[in-house]
N, C-alpha and C. Protein backbone atom coordinates (compact mmCIF):
# COMPACT_ATOMS: atom_id res chain seq x y z
N MET A 1 101.33 195.13 73.16
CA MET A 1 101.84 193.89 73.50
C MET A 1 102.74 192.98 72.96
N PRO A 2 103.91 192.61 73.15
CA PRO A 2 104.11 191.57 72.10
C PRO A 2 103.46 189.90 72.24
N LYS A 3 103.83 189.65 71.53
CA LYS A 3 102.75 187.68 71.54
C LYS A 3 104.46 187.17 72.19
N PRO A 4 103.69 186.11 73.35
CA PRO A 4 105.51 185.32 73.77
C PRO A 4 105.86 184.57 72.61
N ALA A 5 107.76 184.36 72.84
CA ALA A 5 107.65 183.74 72.28
C ALA A 5 107.42 182.40 71.83
N LYS A 6 107.79 181.90 70.63
CA LYS A 6 107.21 180.18 70.99
C LYS A 6 108.84 179.43 71.66
N THR A 7 107.94 178.28 71.11
CA THR A 7 109.15 177.50 72.29
C THR A 7 109.30 176.41 71.33
N ASP A 8 110.19 175.79 70.60
CA ASP A 8 110.44 174.09 70.26
C ASP A 8 111.04 173.24 71.30
N ARG A 9 110.32 172.84 72.14
CA ARG A 9 110.68 172.66 73.63
C ARG A 9 109.43 171.68 73.33
N ALA A 10 109.98 169.58 73.20
CA ALA A 10 108.92 168.74 73.08
C ALA A 10 107.76 168.86 73.96
N LEU A 11 107.31 168.48 74.37
CA LEU A 11 106.25 168.21 75.35
C LEU A 11 106.81 167.13 76.76
N PRO A 12 106.83 167.02 77.95
CA PRO A 12 107.14 165.84 78.80
C PRO A 12 106.49 163.78 77.71
N ALA A 13 106.60 163.31 78.19
CA ALA A 13 106.02 161.88 77.62
C ALA A 13 105.38 161.72 78.70
N GLN A 14 103.16 161.08 78.48
CA GLN A 14 102.97 161.17 79.71
C GLN A 14 102.56 159.51 79.65
N PRO A 15 102.89 159.62 80.99
CA PRO A 15 102.95 157.57 80.86
C PRO A 15 101.77 156.78 81.02
N HIS A 16 101.88 155.85 80.10
CA HIS A 16 101.24 155.03 80.78
C HIS A 16 99.36 155.44 79.54
N ALA A 17 100.19 156.93 77.99
CA ALA A 17 99.49 157.53 77.15
C ALA A 17 98.81 156.14 76.47
N HIS A 18 99.46 155.16 76.33
CA HIS A 18 99.08 154.00 75.48
C HIS A 18 98.51 153.25 76.41
N PRO A 19 97.54 152.70 77.70
CA PRO A 19 97.42 151.66 78.25
C PRO A 19 97.38 149.94 77.33
N SER A 20 96.72 149.99 76.49
CA SER A 20 96.11 148.84 74.95
C SER A 20 97.84 148.03 75.18
N ARG A 21 98.59 149.29 74.83
CA ARG A 21 99.75 148.37 73.98
C ARG A 21 99.94 147.89 75.80
N ASP A 22 99.94 147.55 76.79
CA ASP A 22 100.47 146.73 77.65
C ASP A 22 100.02 146.00 78.28
N VAL A 23 98.76 145.93 77.11
CA VAL A 23 97.49 144.31 78.25
C VAL A 23 96.50 144.36 76.94
N VAL A 24 96.47 142.60 77.53
CA VAL A 24 96.12 141.85 76.41
C VAL A 24 94.79 140.99 77.15
N ARG A 25 93.46 141.10 76.14
CA ARG A 25 92.27 140.57 76.55
C ARG A 25 91.96 139.33 76.34
N VAL A 26 91.92 138.96 77.64
CA VAL A 26 91.95 137.35 77.37
C VAL A 26 91.21 137.07 77.70
N TRP A 27 90.01 137.82 78.33
CA TRP A 27 88.20 137.03 78.66
C TRP A 27 87.90 137.01 78.39
N ASP A 28 86.44 136.89 77.27
CA ASP A 28 85.39 137.62 76.59
C ASP A 28 84.10 137.73 77.55
N ARG A 29 83.21 138.59 77.14
CA ARG A 29 82.04 138.78 77.73
C ARG A 29 81.40 137.66 78.05
N VAL A 30 81.48 136.07 77.06
CA VAL A 30 80.98 135.41 78.40
C VAL A 30 80.74 134.71 79.30
N VAL A 31 82.26 134.50 79.22
CA VAL A 31 82.82 133.88 80.81
C VAL A 31 82.68 134.54 81.55
N ARG A 32 83.41 135.73 81.98
CA ARG A 32 82.92 137.31 82.98
C ARG A 32 81.52 137.32 82.78
N GLY A 33 80.61 137.47 82.12
CA GLY A 33 79.46 137.02 82.54
C GLY A 33 78.74 135.67 83.41
N PHE A 34 79.20 134.66 82.69
CA PHE A 34 79.10 133.35 83.62
C PHE A 34 79.60 133.31 84.55
N HIS A 35 80.73 133.67 84.67
CA HIS A 35 82.04 133.84 86.41
C HIS A 35 80.75 134.60 87.01
N TRP A 36 80.56 135.93 86.68
CA TRP A 36 80.14 136.89 87.88
C TRP A 36 78.64 135.93 88.43
N ALA A 37 78.06 135.51 87.12
CA ALA A 37 76.34 135.24 87.39
C ALA A 37 76.22 134.25 88.40
N LEU A 38 77.16 132.91 88.19
CA LEU A 38 77.13 131.87 88.83
C LEU A 38 78.12 132.53 90.42
N VAL A 39 78.30 133.03 90.23
CA VAL A 39 78.53 133.60 91.76
C VAL A 39 77.23 134.12 92.62
N LEU A 40 76.64 135.17 92.09
CA LEU A 40 75.51 135.51 92.34
C LEU A 40 74.42 134.00 93.04
N SER A 41 74.82 133.78 91.83
CA SER A 41 73.42 131.79 92.22
C SER A 41 73.80 131.60 92.83
N PHE A 42 75.23 131.32 93.02
CA PHE A 42 75.34 130.80 94.33
C PHE A 42 74.93 131.28 96.19
N ALA A 43 75.67 132.60 95.54
CA ALA A 43 75.66 133.36 97.00
C ALA A 43 74.05 133.33 97.35
N ILE A 44 73.29 133.57 96.50
CA ILE A 44 70.89 133.74 96.92
C ILE A 44 70.90 132.38 97.64
N ALA A 45 71.20 131.17 96.22
CA ALA A 45 70.76 129.83 96.67
C ALA A 45 71.56 128.86 98.21
N TRP A 46 72.38 129.95 99.14
CA TRP A 46 73.91 129.97 99.59
C TRP A 46 72.65 130.12 101.25
N PHE A 47 72.30 131.05 101.27
CA PHE A 47 71.58 131.96 101.98
C PHE A 47 69.82 132.11 101.22
N THR A 48 69.25 131.71 101.32
CA THR A 48 67.92 131.24 101.25
C THR A 48 67.68 130.34 101.04
N PRO A 49 68.77 128.57 102.12
CA PRO A 49 67.48 127.85 101.87
C PRO A 49 66.49 126.31 102.03
N GLN A 50 65.82 127.85 103.40
CA GLN A 50 64.95 127.77 104.59
C GLN A 50 63.92 128.34 104.17
N SER A 51 64.05 130.36 104.23
CA SER A 51 63.53 131.05 103.58
C SER A 51 62.54 131.79 102.99
N PHE A 52 63.91 131.46 101.71
CA PHE A 52 63.19 131.91 100.40
C PHE A 52 63.10 130.54 99.73
N GLU A 53 62.14 129.56 99.99
CA GLU A 53 62.51 128.31 99.27
C GLU A 53 62.22 128.58 97.27
N ASP A 54 61.60 129.31 97.25
CA ASP A 54 60.92 129.16 95.50
C ASP A 54 62.24 129.87 94.99
N ILE A 55 63.06 130.95 95.48
CA ILE A 55 64.03 131.96 95.04
C ILE A 55 65.53 130.65 95.72
N HIS A 56 65.71 129.90 96.60
CA HIS A 56 66.65 129.36 96.13
C HIS A 56 66.62 127.71 95.31
N HIS A 57 65.47 127.41 94.97
CA HIS A 57 65.36 126.34 94.21
C HIS A 57 65.84 127.21 92.25
N TRP A 58 65.40 128.19 92.22
CA TRP A 58 65.49 129.30 91.43
C TRP A 58 66.65 129.29 90.57
N ALA A 59 67.67 129.69 92.24
CA ALA A 59 68.73 130.12 91.95
C ALA A 59 69.89 128.91 91.55
N GLY A 60 69.44 127.77 92.25
CA GLY A 60 70.10 126.37 91.85
C GLY A 60 69.14 126.22 90.29
N TYR A 61 68.35 126.07 89.68
CA TYR A 61 68.32 125.97 87.96
C TYR A 61 69.17 127.59 87.65
N ALA A 62 69.45 128.96 87.44
CA ALA A 62 70.27 129.25 87.55
C ALA A 62 71.56 129.46 86.46
N ALA A 63 71.66 128.73 88.52
CA ALA A 63 73.42 128.28 88.34
C ALA A 63 73.53 127.00 87.32
N ALA A 64 72.41 125.42 87.66
CA ALA A 64 72.43 124.69 86.30
C ALA A 64 72.81 125.33 85.56
N SER A 65 72.16 125.61 84.81
CA SER A 65 72.15 126.28 83.33
C SER A 65 73.11 127.14 83.25
N LEU A 66 74.17 127.53 83.53
CA LEU A 66 75.00 128.37 83.46
C LEU A 66 76.00 127.74 83.23
N VAL A 67 75.87 126.22 84.38
CA VAL A 67 77.48 125.77 83.83
C VAL A 67 76.72 125.54 82.58
N VAL A 68 75.76 125.00 82.05
CA VAL A 68 75.70 123.84 80.97
C VAL A 68 75.83 125.27 79.86
N MET A 69 75.41 126.01 79.90
CA MET A 69 76.09 127.08 78.44
C MET A 69 77.71 127.24 78.58
N ARG A 70 77.90 127.27 80.14
CA ARG A 70 79.71 127.49 79.70
C ARG A 70 81.04 126.03 79.24
N LEU A 71 79.80 124.93 79.84
CA LEU A 71 80.58 123.27 78.71
C LEU A 71 80.06 124.06 76.99
N VAL A 72 79.21 124.33 76.58
CA VAL A 72 79.33 124.51 75.49
C VAL A 72 80.56 125.29 75.05
N TRP A 73 80.23 126.16 75.65
CA TRP A 73 81.10 127.88 75.37
C TRP A 73 82.20 127.22 75.51
N GLY A 74 82.96 126.35 76.13
CA GLY A 74 83.89 125.79 76.29
C GLY A 74 84.93 124.99 75.36
N ILE A 75 83.87 124.90 74.57
CA ILE A 75 83.54 123.74 73.43
C ILE A 75 84.29 125.16 72.06
N VAL A 76 83.31 125.83 71.36
CA VAL A 76 83.14 126.48 70.51
C VAL A 76 83.45 128.48 70.68
N GLY A 77 84.04 128.27 71.86
CA GLY A 77 84.19 130.12 72.70
C GLY A 77 85.23 130.01 72.49
N THR A 78 86.07 131.00 72.54
CA THR A 78 86.72 132.48 71.75
C THR A 78 87.84 131.58 72.49
N PRO A 79 89.39 131.87 72.47
CA PRO A 79 90.48 130.88 72.84
C PRO A 79 90.94 130.34 74.10
N TYR A 80 90.64 131.71 75.50
CA TYR A 80 90.97 130.79 75.94
C TYR A 80 89.72 130.56 77.17
N ALA A 81 88.58 131.02 76.38
CA ALA A 81 87.65 130.52 77.43
C ALA A 81 86.91 128.51 77.40
N ARG A 82 88.26 128.03 75.97
CA ARG A 82 87.99 126.75 75.80
C ARG A 82 88.67 125.57 76.03
N PHE A 83 88.99 124.66 76.69
CA PHE A 83 88.57 123.29 77.61
C PHE A 83 90.53 122.81 77.06
N SER A 84 90.23 122.97 75.77
CA SER A 84 91.65 122.95 75.40
C SER A 84 93.01 123.61 75.47
N GLN A 85 92.62 125.02 75.98
CA GLN A 85 93.30 125.71 76.45
C GLN A 85 93.69 125.44 77.20
N PHE A 86 93.07 124.97 79.09
CA PHE A 86 93.50 125.27 79.89
C PHE A 86 93.50 124.07 80.94
N VAL A 87 92.47 123.18 79.98
CA VAL A 87 92.59 121.74 81.31
C VAL A 87 94.07 121.63 80.43
N ARG A 88 94.17 120.39 81.53
CA ARG A 88 95.37 119.80 81.80
C ARG A 88 95.82 118.79 82.29
N ASP A 89 96.33 117.72 82.37
CA ASP A 89 96.51 116.44 82.79
C ASP A 89 97.05 116.77 84.36
N PRO A 90 96.46 114.99 85.10
CA PRO A 90 96.97 115.67 86.60
C PRO A 90 98.48 115.47 86.56
N ALA A 91 99.35 115.02 86.07
CA ALA A 91 100.58 115.71 86.42
C ALA A 91 101.23 117.47 85.73
N THR A 92 100.46 117.60 85.50
CA THR A 92 101.12 119.21 84.92
C THR A 92 100.25 119.50 85.67
N VAL A 93 99.05 119.67 87.13
CA VAL A 93 98.64 120.11 87.54
C VAL A 93 99.61 119.83 88.72
N LEU A 94 99.89 118.46 89.06
CA LEU A 94 101.01 118.50 90.33
C LEU A 94 101.93 119.67 90.68
N ARG A 95 102.53 119.40 89.18
CA ARG A 95 103.97 119.36 88.80
C ARG A 95 103.69 121.64 89.39
N TYR A 96 102.85 122.25 88.33
CA TYR A 96 102.19 123.23 89.03
C TYR A 96 101.74 123.21 90.65
N LEU A 97 101.01 122.71 91.13
CA LEU A 97 101.30 123.09 92.65
C LEU A 97 102.73 123.18 93.62
N VAL A 98 103.51 121.80 92.28
CA VAL A 98 104.75 122.16 93.95
C VAL A 98 105.33 123.14 93.71
N ALA A 99 106.06 123.63 92.66
CA ALA A 99 105.73 124.75 91.26
C ALA A 99 105.90 125.89 92.91
N ILE A 100 104.29 125.86 92.85
CA ILE A 100 103.96 127.11 93.75
C ILE A 100 104.38 127.02 95.31
N LEU A 101 104.39 125.54 95.99
CA LEU A 101 104.56 125.62 96.82
C LEU A 101 106.38 126.14 97.11
N ARG A 102 107.37 125.97 95.67
CA ARG A 102 108.56 126.49 95.94
C ARG A 102 108.47 127.69 95.05
N GLY A 103 107.80 128.58 95.54
CA GLY A 103 107.33 130.02 94.52
C GLY A 103 108.32 130.29 93.21
N SER A 104 108.31 129.46 92.60
CA SER A 104 108.69 128.49 91.05
C SER A 104 107.51 129.14 90.00
N GLU A 105 106.42 129.28 90.79
CA GLU A 105 105.62 128.92 89.98
C GLU A 105 105.32 129.92 88.09
N ALA A 106 105.12 129.32 86.85
CA ALA A 106 105.13 130.34 86.03
C ALA A 106 103.90 131.26 85.52
N ARG A 107 104.05 132.60 85.04
CA ARG A 107 102.94 132.91 85.31
C ARG A 107 102.23 132.40 83.51
N TYR A 108 100.56 132.26 83.57
CA TYR A 108 99.75 132.07 82.22
C TYR A 108 98.86 133.64 81.68
N ILE A 109 98.54 133.95 80.76
CA ILE A 109 97.69 134.23 80.67
C ILE A 109 96.65 133.80 80.73
N GLY A 110 96.16 133.07 80.63
CA GLY A 110 94.96 132.45 80.70
C GLY A 110 95.17 131.32 82.26
N HIS A 111 94.00 130.57 82.19
CA HIS A 111 93.94 130.20 83.44
C HIS A 111 95.41 128.46 83.68
N ASN A 112 96.08 129.49 84.89
CA ASN A 112 97.14 127.96 84.91
C ASN A 112 97.10 126.99 85.05
N PRO A 113 97.29 125.88 85.22
CA PRO A 113 96.72 124.25 85.24
C PRO A 113 96.48 124.19 86.67
N ALA A 114 96.36 125.09 87.65
CA ALA A 114 95.33 124.72 88.95
C ALA A 114 94.52 125.78 88.95
N GLY A 115 94.03 126.41 88.18
CA GLY A 115 93.35 127.57 87.88
C GLY A 115 92.37 126.19 86.91
N GLY A 116 93.26 125.58 86.59
CA GLY A 116 91.93 125.40 85.62
C GLY A 116 91.83 123.94 85.68
N ALA A 117 91.99 123.05 87.01
CA ALA A 117 91.45 122.06 86.57
C ALA A 117 90.80 122.83 88.09
N MET A 118 90.64 123.63 88.90
CA MET A 118 89.42 124.25 89.49
C MET A 118 88.13 124.59 89.12
N VAL A 119 88.72 125.03 87.86
CA VAL A 119 87.39 125.35 87.50
C VAL A 119 86.53 124.15 86.33
N ILE A 120 86.97 122.84 86.26
CA ILE A 120 85.86 122.16 85.87
C ILE A 120 85.99 120.87 87.75
N VAL A 121 86.28 121.59 88.54
CA VAL A 121 85.91 120.47 89.80
C VAL A 121 85.06 122.41 90.56
N LEU A 122 84.98 123.01 90.74
CA LEU A 122 83.72 124.14 90.59
C LEU A 122 82.30 123.59 90.08
N MET A 123 82.42 123.39 88.86
CA MET A 123 81.42 123.25 88.15
C MET A 123 81.06 121.74 88.50
N ALA A 124 81.66 120.02 88.47
CA ALA A 124 81.33 119.54 88.69
C ALA A 124 80.42 119.40 89.89
N MET A 125 80.91 120.25 90.74
CA MET A 125 80.61 120.30 92.47
C MET A 125 79.13 120.64 92.49
N MET A 126 79.33 121.79 91.36
CA MET A 126 78.12 122.59 91.11
C MET A 126 77.01 121.62 90.79
N VAL A 127 77.03 120.76 89.72
CA VAL A 127 75.88 120.21 89.17
C VAL A 127 75.84 118.96 90.35
N SER A 128 76.59 118.64 91.19
CA SER A 128 76.20 117.64 92.26
C SER A 128 75.23 118.42 92.89
N VAL A 129 75.56 119.89 92.88
CA VAL A 129 74.13 120.66 94.14
C VAL A 129 72.99 120.68 93.58
N ALA A 130 73.00 121.39 92.54
CA ALA A 130 72.03 121.17 91.65
C ALA A 130 71.67 119.78 91.43
N VAL A 131 71.79 119.07 91.00
CA VAL A 131 70.84 117.84 90.84
C VAL A 131 70.93 117.33 92.21
N THR A 132 71.72 117.06 93.20
CA THR A 132 70.53 116.69 94.52
C THR A 132 69.31 117.56 94.61
N GLY A 133 69.95 118.74 95.00
CA GLY A 133 68.41 119.70 94.93
C GLY A 133 67.71 118.81 93.86
N TRP A 134 67.15 119.01 92.85
CA TRP A 134 66.34 119.05 92.47
C TRP A 134 65.98 117.64 92.32
N MET A 135 66.22 116.45 92.73
CA MET A 135 65.69 115.13 93.23
C MET A 135 65.05 115.46 94.26
N GLN A 136 65.58 116.10 95.22
CA GLN A 136 63.88 117.02 96.69
C GLN A 136 63.23 117.50 96.12
N THR A 137 62.45 117.63 94.75
CA THR A 137 61.61 118.46 94.19
C THR A 137 60.87 117.00 93.91
N THR A 138 61.16 116.10 93.93
CA THR A 138 60.76 115.19 92.90
C THR A 138 60.00 114.04 93.76
N ASP A 139 58.93 113.42 93.23
CA ASP A 139 57.74 113.02 94.92
C ASP A 139 58.31 111.27 94.85
N ALA A 140 60.09 111.40 94.18
CA ALA A 140 60.52 109.73 94.83
C ALA A 140 61.34 110.46 95.37
N TYR A 141 62.11 111.37 95.51
CA TYR A 141 63.34 111.21 96.35
C TYR A 141 63.37 112.79 97.35
N PHE A 142 61.54 113.31 97.40
CA PHE A 142 61.93 114.49 98.46
C PHE A 142 60.94 113.45 99.99
N GLY A 143 61.92 114.08 100.93
CA GLY A 143 62.48 113.64 101.67
C GLY A 143 63.25 112.46 102.54
N VAL A 144 64.06 111.75 101.08
CA VAL A 144 64.44 110.73 101.54
C VAL A 144 66.23 111.63 102.35
N SER A 145 66.50 110.73 103.31
CA SER A 145 67.50 111.76 103.93
C SER A 145 68.75 111.55 103.17
N TRP A 146 69.19 110.85 102.28
CA TRP A 146 70.52 110.00 101.78
C TRP A 146 70.73 110.93 101.08
N VAL A 147 69.52 111.71 99.95
CA VAL A 147 69.40 112.84 98.96
C VAL A 147 69.92 113.84 99.16
N GLU A 148 69.14 114.79 100.76
CA GLU A 148 69.04 115.69 101.78
C GLU A 148 70.47 115.72 101.67
N ASP A 149 71.13 114.85 102.84
CA ASP A 149 72.80 115.29 102.99
C ASP A 149 73.31 115.08 102.29
N ALA A 150 73.51 114.47 100.68
CA ALA A 150 74.45 114.42 99.82
C ALA A 150 74.35 116.20 99.29
N HIS A 151 73.27 116.84 98.92
CA HIS A 151 72.69 117.98 98.57
C HIS A 151 73.55 119.01 99.70
N SER A 152 73.43 118.89 101.26
CA SER A 152 74.28 119.39 102.05
C SER A 152 76.24 119.35 102.12
N LEU A 153 76.32 117.86 101.59
CA LEU A 153 77.70 117.61 101.78
C LEU A 153 77.84 118.67 100.01
N ALA A 154 76.90 118.36 99.24
CA ALA A 154 77.86 119.24 98.17
C ALA A 154 77.79 119.96 98.71
N ALA A 155 76.68 120.50 98.67
CA ALA A 155 76.82 122.80 98.89
C ALA A 155 78.34 122.88 100.19
N HIS A 156 78.27 121.95 100.96
CA HIS A 156 79.15 122.99 101.86
C HIS A 156 81.04 122.41 101.25
N GLY A 157 80.77 121.40 100.43
CA GLY A 157 82.78 120.61 99.76
C GLY A 157 82.28 121.92 99.08
N LEU A 158 81.30 121.97 97.50
CA LEU A 158 81.58 123.37 97.10
C LEU A 158 81.63 125.08 97.22
N LEU A 159 80.91 125.27 98.61
CA LEU A 159 81.82 126.76 99.21
C LEU A 159 83.36 125.99 99.97
N ALA A 160 83.76 124.97 100.14
CA ALA A 160 84.91 125.01 100.46
C ALA A 160 86.18 125.53 99.53
N LEU A 161 85.53 125.16 98.38
CA LEU A 161 86.09 124.74 97.02
C LEU A 161 86.68 126.75 96.95
N VAL A 162 84.88 126.76 97.08
CA VAL A 162 85.37 128.69 96.35
C VAL A 162 86.73 129.30 97.83
N LEU A 163 86.01 128.87 98.55
CA LEU A 163 87.06 129.86 99.28
C LEU A 163 88.48 129.17 99.16
N VAL A 164 88.91 128.66 99.07
CA VAL A 164 90.18 128.10 97.77
C VAL A 164 90.56 128.58 96.84
N HIS A 165 89.37 128.38 95.83
CA HIS A 165 89.88 129.26 93.98
C HIS A 165 90.40 131.05 95.35
N ILE A 166 88.86 131.09 96.33
CA ILE A 166 89.73 132.83 96.27
C ILE A 166 90.73 133.25 96.65
N GLY A 167 91.60 131.72 97.26
CA GLY A 167 92.60 131.94 98.44
C GLY A 167 94.02 132.14 97.09
N GLY A 168 93.19 130.73 95.68
CA GLY A 168 94.66 131.14 94.52
C GLY A 168 94.25 132.40 94.19
N VAL A 169 93.17 132.68 94.08
CA VAL A 169 93.11 134.42 92.81
C VAL A 169 94.10 135.07 94.21
N ALA A 170 93.91 134.89 94.90
CA ALA A 170 94.46 135.82 96.19
C ALA A 170 96.32 136.03 95.38
N LEU A 171 96.81 134.74 95.93
CA LEU A 171 97.82 134.27 95.88
C LEU A 171 98.98 135.03 94.40
N ALA A 172 97.81 134.08 93.78
CA ALA A 172 98.59 134.41 92.21
C ALA A 172 99.06 136.40 91.61
N SER A 173 97.26 136.54 92.54
CA SER A 173 97.85 137.98 92.49
C SER A 173 98.99 139.03 92.97
N LEU A 174 98.86 138.10 94.29
CA LEU A 174 100.37 138.85 95.18
C LEU A 174 101.89 138.24 94.11
N ARG A 175 101.66 137.52 93.34
CA ARG A 175 102.92 136.20 93.36
C ARG A 175 102.84 136.87 91.87
N HIS A 176 102.53 137.17 90.73
CA HIS A 176 102.53 137.91 89.91
C HIS A 176 101.95 139.20 89.42
N ASN A 177 101.76 139.85 90.72
CA ASN A 177 101.66 141.58 90.68
C ASN A 177 100.58 142.04 89.64
N GLU A 178 99.68 140.98 89.75
CA GLU A 178 98.50 141.44 89.06
C GLU A 178 96.93 141.59 89.56
N ASN A 179 96.07 142.36 89.23
CA ASN A 179 95.08 141.62 90.39
C ASN A 179 94.00 141.09 89.13
N LEU A 180 94.11 139.75 89.72
CA LEU A 180 92.97 138.77 88.87
C LEU A 180 91.25 138.80 88.47
N VAL A 181 91.10 139.43 90.02
CA VAL A 181 89.33 140.09 90.22
C VAL A 181 89.50 140.76 89.07
N ARG A 182 89.90 142.09 89.08
CA ARG A 182 90.40 142.56 87.48
C ARG A 182 89.47 142.25 86.83
N ALA A 183 91.08 141.61 86.49
CA ALA A 183 91.02 141.02 85.46
C ALA A 183 89.93 140.52 84.93
N MET A 184 89.52 139.71 85.67
CA MET A 184 87.72 139.05 85.42
C MET A 184 86.56 140.13 85.25
N ILE A 185 86.50 141.36 85.25
CA ILE A 185 85.89 142.21 84.97
C ILE A 185 85.94 143.09 84.06
N THR A 186 87.39 143.31 83.43
CA THR A 186 87.90 144.04 82.22
C THR A 186 88.07 143.08 81.41
N GLY A 187 88.47 142.02 80.83
CA GLY A 187 88.40 141.07 80.82
C GLY A 187 90.25 140.54 80.05
N ARG A 188 90.58 142.03 80.75
CA ARG A 188 91.89 142.00 80.59
C ARG A 188 92.98 141.58 81.44
N LYS A 189 94.73 141.64 81.13
CA LYS A 189 95.63 141.02 81.71
C LYS A 189 97.06 141.91 80.99
N ARG A 190 98.11 141.69 81.75
CA ARG A 190 99.27 142.23 81.31
C ARG A 190 99.77 141.24 80.40
N LYS A 191 99.78 142.08 79.39
CA LYS A 191 100.58 141.11 78.17
C LYS A 191 101.63 140.18 78.71
N ALA A 192 101.86 138.69 77.71
CA ALA A 192 102.75 138.17 77.94
C ALA A 192 104.21 138.59 78.32
N ALA A 193 105.23 138.79 79.63
CA ALA A 193 106.71 138.40 79.50
C ALA A 193 107.24 137.86 78.55
N PRO A 194 108.40 137.22 77.91
CA PRO A 194 108.70 136.24 77.47
C PRO A 194 109.59 135.21 78.56
N ALA A 195 108.96 135.29 80.05
CA ALA A 195 108.95 133.82 80.67
C ALA A 195 107.70 133.10 80.81
N ASP A 196 106.99 134.39 80.36
CA ASP A 196 105.39 133.77 81.07
C ASP A 196 104.69 133.17 79.63
N ILE A 197 103.52 132.33 80.09
CA ILE A 197 102.71 130.80 78.97
C ILE A 197 101.77 131.50 78.86
N ALA A 198 101.82 132.37 77.14
CA ALA A 198 100.15 132.49 76.43
C ALA A 198 99.57 131.19 75.91
């Protein structure tokens, strides 16, 4: 039986054969680990204030430790992890918020100005929750009403900020056509287009 004739016809191009050419690594493992560990710590602490006090306390201590670690990494970490890369002055943040309202905000490869501000506010609020929670375990402040009120207010304020943060992530994902939740899992984002800010 004769062999089939060889063909010189090229194989069709495989789309997305090299996806790594279209993405860049932005979030390192420390940033991603911090983010999801803080989410878990806050969730555990939120759901265990009365029923499992020991777990509640340890979740708070874990969250505070994570914030301290992130503060150090924000100084010595990889480029997109550093505060110098994404913390901007209030005027820049305000201009970006106005641009969001107008639907004309730029896409940033790292944190945009609003996202960077939210990172700082969330960490500050987490510290206030942890400190007021710890104060309630001391002899000096145990049962003191203003400390309990401050802890409750800080915790509820943190929850409100988390919800705003989730809304901002969803809005940016829709506006810029990229899944920011997945980016915080994989560490990768679509590389910068000419109009984007790297």
